[in-house]
Amino acid sequence: MIKMEERVYALFGVFGPLLVYVSIILSLIFSPWFNWETNALSDMGYSVTSSTALIFNLGLLLAGFLLLLYSLTVFKKYAKYSSYCLLISSFFVQLIAVFNETYGQIHYAVAIPHFLMLSLTSIVYSIEKRSTFALVTFLVVMFSWLIYALNVLNIGIAVPEIISKFVVAWIMFSAIQIFRGKEF
C-alpha cells in the first residue's frame, strides 16, 4: 500500500514535466517571431529581448524543482540509479532558467549537460527497470540529434531540443504508476 505522502511526491513527477510542456507551449503561442529553422528553445527565455522570458524561465525553474523533489523522494525508492541521474538533470534545467542566454557561454555550459543527463537518465532507467518505453524515447531523441547534426533536414536546433523533452513522457508514466501503487 502506497502512503499518501508518496502519492503527493509522485504527482510532482507528473506536474513537473507538464509544467515544462505548458511553459514551452505558452512561450511559443506568445512568440510569433519564433522560427523552428533558426531559433533555439532558449531564445524564448532570453531576458533581454523575449517577452516570454518570464513564462519560459519560471516554467523551467519550477519544473526542475518539482522533478528534483520527485527524484529525491519517491522515485529514488523505485528506481534508485535513475533517480540520481534525474536529480542532476533537474538541477541543470533549473540552471538553464537562471543562466538564460543573457549569460552567453554559461548558458551553454549548463544546457548541454542537461540534455546529456536527460538522455543518460533514459538509458539508466531502461536498464534498471527494463523499460522499453524509456529505451525507445532515448533512441528517438538520439535519432533527432543525429538528423540535426548531419543536416539531413533543414531543421533548427529547437527541433531536437523539443523532441528531447519527450523523454519526460516515461518519467510521467513512472510517476503515475507510483501514484497508482503499481510496480513498474
N, C-alpha and C. Protein backbone atom coordinates (compact mmCIF):
# COMPACT_ATOMS: atom_id res chain seq x y z
N MET A 1 0.85 -1.19 0.00
CA MET A 1 0.00 0.00 0.00
C MET A 1 0.89 1.25 0.00
N ILE A 2 0.63 2.13 -0.92
CA ILE A 2 1.42 3.35 -1.02
C ILE A 2 0.91 4.40 -0.03
N LYS A 3 1.84 5.08 0.62
CA LYS A 3 1.47 6.11 1.59
C LYS A 3 0.99 7.36 0.86
N MET A 4 0.16 8.12 1.54
CA MET A 4 -0.37 9.36 0.97
C MET A 4 0.76 10.32 0.61
N GLU A 5 1.78 10.40 1.46
CA GLU A 5 2.91 11.29 1.20
C GLU A 5 3.61 10.90 -0.11
N GLU A 6 3.77 9.59 -0.34
CA GLU A 6 4.41 9.13 -1.57
C GLU A 6 3.56 9.48 -2.79
N ARG A 7 2.25 9.42 -2.63
CA ARG A 7 1.36 9.78 -3.74
C ARG A 7 1.52 11.25 -4.10
N VAL A 8 1.66 12.09 -3.10
CA VAL A 8 1.85 13.52 -3.35
C VAL A 8 3.16 13.74 -4.09
N TYR A 9 4.23 13.11 -3.63
CA TYR A 9 5.52 13.25 -4.31
C TYR A 9 5.47 12.67 -5.72
N ALA A 10 4.70 11.62 -5.92
CA ALA A 10 4.54 11.05 -7.26
C ALA A 10 3.91 12.06 -8.20
N LEU A 11 2.99 12.86 -7.68
CA LEU A 11 2.37 13.89 -8.51
C LEU A 11 3.38 14.92 -9.01
N PHE A 12 4.44 15.15 -8.25
CA PHE A 12 5.50 16.05 -8.71
C PHE A 12 6.13 15.53 -9.99
N GLY A 13 6.20 14.20 -10.11
CA GLY A 13 6.74 13.58 -11.31
C GLY A 13 5.82 13.70 -12.51
N VAL A 14 4.57 14.03 -12.26
CA VAL A 14 3.62 14.28 -13.35
C VAL A 14 3.58 15.77 -13.67
N PHE A 15 3.44 16.59 -12.63
CA PHE A 15 3.28 18.02 -12.85
C PHE A 15 4.56 18.72 -13.29
N GLY A 16 5.73 18.20 -12.91
CA GLY A 16 6.99 18.79 -13.36
C GLY A 16 7.09 18.77 -14.88
N PRO A 17 6.98 17.59 -15.50
CA PRO A 17 7.02 17.54 -16.97
C PRO A 17 5.89 18.32 -17.63
N LEU A 18 4.69 18.26 -17.05
CA LEU A 18 3.58 19.03 -17.62
C LEU A 18 3.89 20.52 -17.63
N LEU A 19 4.54 20.98 -16.57
CA LEU A 19 4.92 22.39 -16.49
C LEU A 19 5.93 22.76 -17.57
N VAL A 20 6.84 21.85 -17.88
CA VAL A 20 7.79 22.08 -18.98
C VAL A 20 7.00 22.29 -20.28
N TYR A 21 6.09 21.35 -20.56
CA TYR A 21 5.30 21.44 -21.78
C TYR A 21 4.47 22.72 -21.84
N VAL A 22 3.79 23.03 -20.75
CA VAL A 22 2.93 24.22 -20.71
C VAL A 22 3.75 25.49 -20.91
N SER A 23 4.89 25.61 -20.25
CA SER A 23 5.69 26.83 -20.39
C SER A 23 6.23 26.97 -21.81
N ILE A 24 6.61 25.86 -22.43
CA ILE A 24 7.10 25.92 -23.82
C ILE A 24 5.96 26.28 -24.76
N ILE A 25 4.81 25.64 -24.59
CA ILE A 25 3.67 25.92 -25.48
C ILE A 25 3.20 27.36 -25.33
N LEU A 26 3.07 27.85 -24.09
CA LEU A 26 2.67 29.25 -23.88
C LEU A 26 3.70 30.20 -24.48
N SER A 27 4.96 29.90 -24.30
CA SER A 27 6.01 30.75 -24.87
C SER A 27 5.93 30.76 -26.40
N LEU A 28 5.66 29.61 -26.99
CA LEU A 28 5.52 29.54 -28.45
C LEU A 28 4.31 30.35 -28.92
N ILE A 29 3.21 30.26 -28.20
CA ILE A 29 2.00 30.99 -28.57
C ILE A 29 2.26 32.50 -28.56
N PHE A 30 3.00 32.97 -27.56
CA PHE A 30 3.25 34.40 -27.42
C PHE A 30 4.56 34.86 -28.08
N SER A 31 5.13 34.01 -28.91
CA SER A 31 6.37 34.35 -29.63
C SER A 31 6.17 34.15 -31.13
N PRO A 32 5.42 35.04 -31.78
CA PRO A 32 5.19 34.86 -33.21
C PRO A 32 6.48 34.94 -34.04
N TRP A 33 7.52 35.50 -33.49
CA TRP A 33 8.81 35.61 -34.16
C TRP A 33 9.58 34.30 -34.18
N PHE A 34 9.19 33.35 -33.32
CA PHE A 34 9.94 32.10 -33.19
C PHE A 34 9.89 31.31 -34.49
N ASN A 35 11.06 30.83 -34.92
CA ASN A 35 11.18 30.07 -36.16
C ASN A 35 11.90 28.76 -35.86
N TRP A 36 11.27 27.63 -36.20
CA TRP A 36 11.84 26.31 -35.91
C TRP A 36 13.13 26.05 -36.68
N GLU A 37 13.37 26.78 -37.74
CA GLU A 37 14.58 26.57 -38.54
C GLU A 37 15.76 27.39 -38.05
N THR A 38 15.50 28.46 -37.30
CA THR A 38 16.60 29.35 -36.92
C THR A 38 16.76 29.57 -35.42
N ASN A 39 15.74 29.26 -34.64
CA ASN A 39 15.81 29.54 -33.21
C ASN A 39 16.05 28.29 -32.37
N ALA A 40 16.59 28.53 -31.19
CA ALA A 40 16.67 27.51 -30.14
C ALA A 40 15.51 27.78 -29.19
N LEU A 41 15.07 26.76 -28.47
CA LEU A 41 14.01 26.98 -27.49
C LEU A 41 14.41 28.05 -26.49
N SER A 42 15.68 28.06 -26.12
CA SER A 42 16.17 29.02 -25.13
C SER A 42 16.03 30.47 -25.58
N ASP A 43 15.85 30.70 -26.88
CA ASP A 43 15.65 32.07 -27.35
C ASP A 43 14.40 32.69 -26.72
N MET A 44 13.44 31.85 -26.37
CA MET A 44 12.22 32.36 -25.73
C MET A 44 12.46 32.74 -24.28
N GLY A 45 13.59 32.30 -23.72
CA GLY A 45 13.94 32.64 -22.35
C GLY A 45 14.98 33.74 -22.25
N TYR A 46 15.35 34.33 -23.39
CA TYR A 46 16.35 35.39 -23.42
C TYR A 46 15.75 36.65 -22.80
N SER A 47 16.18 36.98 -21.61
CA SER A 47 15.53 38.03 -20.82
C SER A 47 15.68 39.43 -21.39
N VAL A 48 16.62 39.65 -22.30
CA VAL A 48 16.81 40.99 -22.86
C VAL A 48 15.78 41.31 -23.94
N THR A 49 15.47 40.33 -24.80
CA THR A 49 14.61 40.62 -25.95
C THR A 49 13.30 39.85 -26.00
N SER A 50 13.16 38.79 -25.25
CA SER A 50 11.96 37.96 -25.36
C SER A 50 10.89 38.37 -24.35
N SER A 51 9.70 38.60 -24.87
CA SER A 51 8.58 38.96 -23.98
C SER A 51 8.07 37.74 -23.21
N THR A 52 8.54 36.55 -23.57
CA THR A 52 8.10 35.33 -22.89
C THR A 52 9.15 34.79 -21.92
N ALA A 53 10.19 35.55 -21.68
CA ALA A 53 11.29 35.06 -20.83
C ALA A 53 10.79 34.64 -19.45
N LEU A 54 9.90 35.41 -18.87
CA LEU A 54 9.40 35.07 -17.54
C LEU A 54 8.63 33.74 -17.56
N ILE A 55 7.75 33.57 -18.54
CA ILE A 55 6.98 32.33 -18.65
C ILE A 55 7.92 31.14 -18.86
N PHE A 56 8.82 31.29 -19.81
CA PHE A 56 9.72 30.19 -20.17
C PHE A 56 10.65 29.82 -19.01
N ASN A 57 11.34 30.81 -18.46
CA ASN A 57 12.32 30.54 -17.42
C ASN A 57 11.69 30.12 -16.09
N LEU A 58 10.58 30.74 -15.73
CA LEU A 58 9.91 30.35 -14.49
C LEU A 58 9.35 28.93 -14.62
N GLY A 59 8.83 28.60 -15.80
CA GLY A 59 8.34 27.24 -16.03
C GLY A 59 9.44 26.21 -15.87
N LEU A 60 10.61 26.49 -16.45
CA LEU A 60 11.74 25.56 -16.32
C LEU A 60 12.22 25.47 -14.88
N LEU A 61 12.28 26.60 -14.21
CA LEU A 61 12.75 26.63 -12.82
C LEU A 61 11.83 25.81 -11.91
N LEU A 62 10.54 26.03 -12.03
CA LEU A 62 9.58 25.30 -11.19
C LEU A 62 9.50 23.83 -11.56
N ALA A 63 9.54 23.54 -12.85
CA ALA A 63 9.51 22.14 -13.30
C ALA A 63 10.73 21.40 -12.78
N GLY A 64 11.89 22.04 -12.87
CA GLY A 64 13.11 21.43 -12.35
C GLY A 64 13.01 21.18 -10.86
N PHE A 65 12.40 22.11 -10.14
CA PHE A 65 12.23 21.95 -8.69
C PHE A 65 11.32 20.76 -8.37
N LEU A 66 10.20 20.66 -9.08
CA LEU A 66 9.27 19.54 -8.84
C LEU A 66 9.93 18.20 -9.17
N LEU A 67 10.67 18.16 -10.27
CA LEU A 67 11.35 16.91 -10.63
C LEU A 67 12.49 16.59 -9.67
N LEU A 68 13.12 17.62 -9.14
CA LEU A 68 14.16 17.42 -8.13
C LEU A 68 13.55 16.76 -6.89
N LEU A 69 12.40 17.27 -6.45
CA LEU A 69 11.72 16.68 -5.29
C LEU A 69 11.27 15.25 -5.59
N TYR A 70 10.75 15.02 -6.77
CA TYR A 70 10.34 13.67 -7.17
C TYR A 70 11.54 12.72 -7.14
N SER A 71 12.67 13.18 -7.64
CA SER A 71 13.89 12.36 -7.67
C SER A 71 14.39 12.02 -6.27
N LEU A 72 14.34 12.99 -5.39
CA LEU A 72 14.88 12.81 -4.04
C LEU A 72 13.98 11.98 -3.13
N THR A 73 12.73 11.85 -3.49
CA THR A 73 11.78 11.18 -2.60
C THR A 73 11.33 9.84 -3.15
N VAL A 74 10.15 9.81 -3.71
CA VAL A 74 9.51 8.56 -4.08
C VAL A 74 10.18 7.84 -5.26
N PHE A 75 10.71 8.57 -6.24
CA PHE A 75 11.32 7.93 -7.40
C PHE A 75 12.57 7.15 -6.99
N LYS A 76 13.30 7.69 -6.01
CA LYS A 76 14.51 7.02 -5.52
C LYS A 76 14.21 5.64 -4.95
N LYS A 77 13.05 5.51 -4.35
CA LYS A 77 12.64 4.24 -3.77
C LYS A 77 12.38 3.18 -4.85
N TYR A 78 11.91 3.62 -6.01
CA TYR A 78 11.52 2.69 -7.07
C TYR A 78 12.57 2.52 -8.16
N ALA A 79 13.42 3.51 -8.35
CA ALA A 79 14.45 3.44 -9.39
C ALA A 79 15.66 4.25 -8.92
N LYS A 80 16.41 3.67 -8.02
CA LYS A 80 17.49 4.36 -7.30
C LYS A 80 18.48 5.06 -8.23
N TYR A 81 19.06 4.34 -9.17
CA TYR A 81 20.11 4.91 -10.02
C TYR A 81 19.54 5.93 -11.01
N SER A 82 18.37 5.64 -11.51
CA SER A 82 17.71 6.58 -12.41
C SER A 82 17.39 7.88 -11.69
N SER A 83 17.03 7.77 -10.42
CA SER A 83 16.68 8.97 -9.65
C SER A 83 17.89 9.89 -9.49
N TYR A 84 19.08 9.32 -9.35
CA TYR A 84 20.28 10.15 -9.25
C TYR A 84 20.52 10.92 -10.55
N CYS A 85 20.35 10.23 -11.66
CA CYS A 85 20.53 10.89 -12.96
C CYS A 85 19.49 11.98 -13.18
N LEU A 86 18.23 11.67 -12.83
CA LEU A 86 17.16 12.65 -12.99
C LEU A 86 17.39 13.84 -12.06
N LEU A 87 17.90 13.59 -10.89
CA LEU A 87 18.22 14.66 -9.95
C LEU A 87 19.20 15.65 -10.57
N ILE A 88 20.26 15.14 -11.17
CA ILE A 88 21.26 16.00 -11.80
C ILE A 88 20.67 16.75 -12.99
N SER A 89 19.92 16.04 -13.82
CA SER A 89 19.28 16.67 -14.98
C SER A 89 18.32 17.78 -14.54
N SER A 90 17.57 17.53 -13.48
CA SER A 90 16.61 18.52 -12.96
C SER A 90 17.32 19.75 -12.43
N PHE A 91 18.46 19.53 -11.79
CA PHE A 91 19.25 20.66 -11.30
C PHE A 91 19.75 21.51 -12.48
N PHE A 92 20.21 20.84 -13.54
CA PHE A 92 20.68 21.57 -14.71
C PHE A 92 19.56 22.34 -15.41
N VAL A 93 18.34 21.79 -15.42
CA VAL A 93 17.24 22.53 -16.06
C VAL A 93 16.93 23.79 -15.26
N GLN A 94 17.10 23.74 -13.95
CA GLN A 94 16.94 24.95 -13.14
C GLN A 94 18.04 25.96 -13.47
N LEU A 95 19.24 25.46 -13.68
CA LEU A 95 20.35 26.35 -14.04
C LEU A 95 20.13 26.99 -15.41
N ILE A 96 19.49 26.26 -16.33
CA ILE A 96 19.17 26.83 -17.65
C ILE A 96 18.25 28.03 -17.46
N ALA A 97 17.30 27.92 -16.56
CA ALA A 97 16.37 29.02 -16.30
C ALA A 97 17.09 30.21 -15.66
N VAL A 98 17.99 29.94 -14.75
CA VAL A 98 18.72 31.00 -14.06
C VAL A 98 19.73 31.65 -14.99
N PHE A 99 20.50 30.83 -15.68
CA PHE A 99 21.53 31.33 -16.59
C PHE A 99 21.02 31.25 -18.02
N ASN A 100 20.01 32.09 -18.32
CA ASN A 100 19.44 32.09 -19.66
C ASN A 100 20.47 32.63 -20.66
N GLU A 101 20.08 32.77 -21.90
CA GLU A 101 21.03 33.15 -22.95
C GLU A 101 21.72 34.49 -22.70
N THR A 102 21.19 35.29 -21.80
CA THR A 102 21.82 36.55 -21.44
C THR A 102 23.24 36.31 -20.93
N TYR A 103 23.46 35.15 -20.34
CA TYR A 103 24.74 34.83 -19.74
C TYR A 103 25.72 34.17 -20.71
N GLY A 104 25.38 34.12 -21.98
CA GLY A 104 26.30 33.63 -23.01
C GLY A 104 26.74 32.19 -22.80
N GLN A 105 28.05 32.00 -22.72
CA GLN A 105 28.62 30.65 -22.65
C GLN A 105 28.21 29.88 -21.40
N ILE A 106 27.90 30.58 -20.33
CA ILE A 106 27.45 29.89 -19.11
C ILE A 106 26.15 29.14 -19.40
N HIS A 107 25.29 29.75 -20.21
CA HIS A 107 24.03 29.09 -20.58
C HIS A 107 24.30 27.75 -21.26
N TYR A 108 25.21 27.76 -22.20
CA TYR A 108 25.52 26.52 -22.93
C TYR A 108 26.22 25.51 -22.02
N ALA A 109 26.98 26.01 -21.06
CA ALA A 109 27.69 25.13 -20.13
C ALA A 109 26.72 24.39 -19.20
N VAL A 110 25.50 24.89 -19.05
CA VAL A 110 24.50 24.18 -18.25
C VAL A 110 23.46 23.48 -19.12
N ALA A 111 23.22 23.99 -20.33
CA ALA A 111 22.22 23.38 -21.22
C ALA A 111 22.69 22.04 -21.76
N ILE A 112 23.93 21.98 -22.20
CA ILE A 112 24.46 20.73 -22.77
C ILE A 112 24.45 19.59 -21.75
N PRO A 113 24.96 19.82 -20.53
CA PRO A 113 24.88 18.73 -19.53
C PRO A 113 23.43 18.32 -19.21
N HIS A 114 22.50 19.27 -19.26
CA HIS A 114 21.09 18.90 -19.03
C HIS A 114 20.63 17.88 -20.06
N PHE A 115 20.85 18.18 -21.33
CA PHE A 115 20.41 17.26 -22.38
C PHE A 115 21.14 15.92 -22.30
N LEU A 116 22.42 15.96 -21.97
CA LEU A 116 23.17 14.71 -21.82
C LEU A 116 22.65 13.88 -20.65
N MET A 117 22.40 14.54 -19.52
CA MET A 117 21.91 13.82 -18.34
C MET A 117 20.49 13.29 -18.56
N LEU A 118 19.69 14.03 -19.29
CA LEU A 118 18.34 13.56 -19.58
C LEU A 118 18.40 12.28 -20.41
N SER A 119 19.31 12.25 -21.36
CA SER A 119 19.50 11.03 -22.17
C SER A 119 20.06 9.89 -21.32
N LEU A 120 21.04 10.20 -20.49
CA LEU A 120 21.61 9.18 -19.62
C LEU A 120 20.55 8.62 -18.66
N THR A 121 19.68 9.49 -18.19
CA THR A 121 18.59 9.04 -17.31
C THR A 121 17.74 7.99 -18.01
N SER A 122 17.46 8.22 -19.28
CA SER A 122 16.67 7.25 -20.05
C SER A 122 17.39 5.92 -20.19
N ILE A 123 18.68 5.98 -20.46
CA ILE A 123 19.46 4.75 -20.61
C ILE A 123 19.46 3.97 -19.29
N VAL A 124 19.78 4.67 -18.21
CA VAL A 124 19.86 4.02 -16.90
C VAL A 124 18.50 3.43 -16.53
N TYR A 125 17.44 4.19 -16.74
CA TYR A 125 16.10 3.70 -16.41
C TYR A 125 15.73 2.49 -17.26
N SER A 126 16.07 2.53 -18.54
CA SER A 126 15.73 1.40 -19.41
C SER A 126 16.43 0.13 -18.97
N ILE A 127 17.63 0.26 -18.41
CA ILE A 127 18.36 -0.90 -17.89
C ILE A 127 17.82 -1.30 -16.51
N GLU A 128 17.71 -0.30 -15.63
CA GLU A 128 17.31 -0.57 -14.25
C GLU A 128 15.90 -1.17 -14.15
N LYS A 129 14.98 -0.67 -14.96
CA LYS A 129 13.60 -1.13 -14.87
C LYS A 129 13.18 -1.95 -16.10
N ARG A 130 14.14 -2.25 -16.95
CA ARG A 130 13.86 -2.99 -18.20
C ARG A 130 12.71 -2.32 -18.96
N SER A 131 12.83 -1.01 -19.12
CA SER A 131 11.77 -0.22 -19.74
C SER A 131 12.03 -0.02 -21.23
N THR A 132 11.19 -0.63 -22.03
CA THR A 132 11.26 -0.43 -23.48
C THR A 132 10.86 1.00 -23.82
N PHE A 133 9.89 1.53 -23.09
CA PHE A 133 9.41 2.90 -23.30
C PHE A 133 10.56 3.90 -23.18
N ALA A 134 11.35 3.79 -22.11
CA ALA A 134 12.48 4.70 -21.90
C ALA A 134 13.53 4.51 -22.99
N LEU A 135 13.77 3.27 -23.38
CA LEU A 135 14.76 3.00 -24.43
C LEU A 135 14.32 3.59 -25.76
N VAL A 136 13.06 3.43 -26.10
CA VAL A 136 12.55 3.96 -27.37
C VAL A 136 12.63 5.49 -27.38
N THR A 137 12.26 6.13 -26.27
CA THR A 137 12.35 7.60 -26.23
C THR A 137 13.80 8.04 -26.38
N PHE A 138 14.72 7.32 -25.76
CA PHE A 138 16.14 7.65 -25.91
C PHE A 138 16.56 7.54 -27.37
N LEU A 139 16.18 6.46 -28.03
CA LEU A 139 16.57 6.24 -29.43
C LEU A 139 15.98 7.31 -30.35
N VAL A 140 14.74 7.69 -30.11
CA VAL A 140 14.10 8.74 -30.91
C VAL A 140 14.84 10.06 -30.72
N VAL A 141 15.18 10.37 -29.48
CA VAL A 141 15.92 11.61 -29.19
C VAL A 141 17.29 11.59 -29.87
N MET A 142 18.01 10.50 -29.76
CA MET A 142 19.33 10.41 -30.39
C MET A 142 19.23 10.52 -31.91
N PHE A 143 18.21 9.91 -32.49
CA PHE A 143 17.99 9.98 -33.93
C PHE A 143 17.74 11.43 -34.35
N SER A 144 16.95 12.17 -33.55
CA SER A 144 16.67 13.57 -33.89
C SER A 144 17.93 14.43 -33.84
N TRP A 145 18.79 14.18 -32.84
CA TRP A 145 20.05 14.93 -32.76
C TRP A 145 20.98 14.56 -33.91
N LEU A 146 20.96 13.31 -34.31
CA LEU A 146 21.78 12.86 -35.44
C LEU A 146 21.33 13.54 -36.74
N ILE A 147 20.03 13.59 -36.96
CA ILE A 147 19.50 14.25 -38.16
C ILE A 147 19.89 15.73 -38.16
N TYR A 148 19.81 16.36 -37.00
CA TYR A 148 20.22 17.77 -36.89
C TYR A 148 21.71 17.93 -37.16
N ALA A 149 22.53 17.11 -36.51
CA ALA A 149 23.99 17.22 -36.64
C ALA A 149 24.46 16.98 -38.07
N LEU A 150 23.84 16.03 -38.75
CA LEU A 150 24.23 15.71 -40.12
C LEU A 150 23.54 16.60 -41.15
N ASN A 151 22.69 17.49 -40.67
CA ASN A 151 21.96 18.43 -41.53
C ASN A 151 21.19 17.70 -42.64
N VAL A 152 20.58 16.58 -42.26
CA VAL A 152 19.80 15.78 -43.20
C VAL A 152 18.55 16.53 -43.64
N LEU A 153 17.91 17.17 -42.71
CA LEU A 153 16.74 18.00 -42.99
C LEU A 153 17.07 19.44 -42.61
N ASN A 154 16.34 20.36 -43.15
CA ASN A 154 16.57 21.76 -42.84
C ASN A 154 15.81 22.11 -41.55
N ILE A 155 16.37 21.66 -40.43
CA ILE A 155 15.74 21.94 -39.13
C ILE A 155 16.72 22.71 -38.26
N GLY A 156 16.17 23.49 -37.37
CA GLY A 156 16.99 24.20 -36.41
C GLY A 156 17.17 23.37 -35.16
N ILE A 157 17.98 23.88 -34.26
CA ILE A 157 18.29 23.15 -33.03
C ILE A 157 17.06 22.97 -32.14
N ALA A 158 16.06 23.83 -32.31
CA ALA A 158 14.85 23.71 -31.49
C ALA A 158 14.13 22.39 -31.72
N VAL A 159 14.27 21.81 -32.91
CA VAL A 159 13.57 20.56 -33.21
C VAL A 159 14.10 19.41 -32.35
N PRO A 160 15.41 19.12 -32.35
CA PRO A 160 15.87 18.07 -31.44
C PRO A 160 15.71 18.44 -29.96
N GLU A 161 15.75 19.74 -29.66
CA GLU A 161 15.52 20.15 -28.27
C GLU A 161 14.11 19.77 -27.82
N ILE A 162 13.11 20.06 -28.65
CA ILE A 162 11.73 19.75 -28.25
C ILE A 162 11.50 18.25 -28.25
N ILE A 163 12.11 17.55 -29.18
CA ILE A 163 11.98 16.09 -29.19
C ILE A 163 12.62 15.50 -27.93
N SER A 164 13.71 16.11 -27.46
CA SER A 164 14.35 15.66 -26.22
C SER A 164 13.40 15.74 -25.03
N LYS A 165 12.49 16.66 -25.09
CA LYS A 165 11.53 16.82 -23.98
C LYS A 165 10.51 15.68 -23.94
N PHE A 166 10.45 14.87 -25.01
CA PHE A 166 9.56 13.70 -24.98
C PHE A 166 10.07 12.64 -24.01
N VAL A 167 11.33 12.74 -23.62
CA VAL A 167 11.88 11.81 -22.64
C VAL A 167 11.07 11.86 -21.36
N VAL A 168 10.55 13.02 -21.04
CA VAL A 168 9.81 13.13 -19.79
C VAL A 168 8.50 12.36 -19.81
N ALA A 169 8.09 11.86 -20.96
CA ALA A 169 6.86 11.05 -21.02
C ALA A 169 6.99 9.80 -20.17
N TRP A 170 8.14 9.13 -20.23
CA TRP A 170 8.30 7.93 -19.40
C TRP A 170 8.45 8.30 -17.93
N ILE A 171 8.96 9.50 -17.65
CA ILE A 171 9.04 9.96 -16.26
C ILE A 171 7.63 10.14 -15.71
N MET A 172 6.77 10.75 -16.51
CA MET A 172 5.37 10.91 -16.10
C MET A 172 4.71 9.55 -15.91
N PHE A 173 4.98 8.62 -16.81
CA PHE A 173 4.41 7.28 -16.71
C PHE A 173 4.84 6.61 -15.41
N SER A 174 6.13 6.74 -15.08
CA SER A 174 6.62 6.13 -13.84
C SER A 174 5.93 6.75 -12.63
N ALA A 175 5.74 8.06 -12.67
CA ALA A 175 5.08 8.75 -11.55
C ALA A 175 3.62 8.33 -11.42
N ILE A 176 2.96 8.15 -12.54
CA ILE A 176 1.56 7.70 -12.50
C ILE A 176 1.48 6.29 -11.92
N GLN A 177 2.41 5.43 -12.32
CA GLN A 177 2.44 4.07 -11.79
C GLN A 177 2.67 4.08 -10.27
N ILE A 178 3.58 4.91 -9.82
CA ILE A 178 3.83 5.02 -8.38
C ILE A 178 2.58 5.55 -7.68
N PHE A 179 1.97 6.58 -8.25
CA PHE A 179 0.76 7.15 -7.67
C PHE A 179 -0.34 6.10 -7.52
N ARG A 180 -0.46 5.26 -8.53
CA ARG A 180 -1.50 4.21 -8.52
C ARG A 180 -1.11 3.01 -7.66
N GLY A 181 0.12 3.02 -7.16
CA GLY A 181 0.56 1.93 -6.29
C GLY A 181 0.94 0.68 -7.05
N LYS A 182 1.33 0.83 -8.31
CA LYS A 182 1.69 -0.33 -9.12
C LYS A 182 3.19 -0.37 -9.33
N GLU A 183 3.72 -1.57 -9.28
CA GLU A 183 5.14 -1.76 -9.59
C GLU A 183 5.29 -1.65 -11.10
N PHE A 184 6.31 -0.97 -11.52
CA PHE A 184 6.52 -0.78 -12.96
C PHE A 184 7.84 -1.37 -13.39
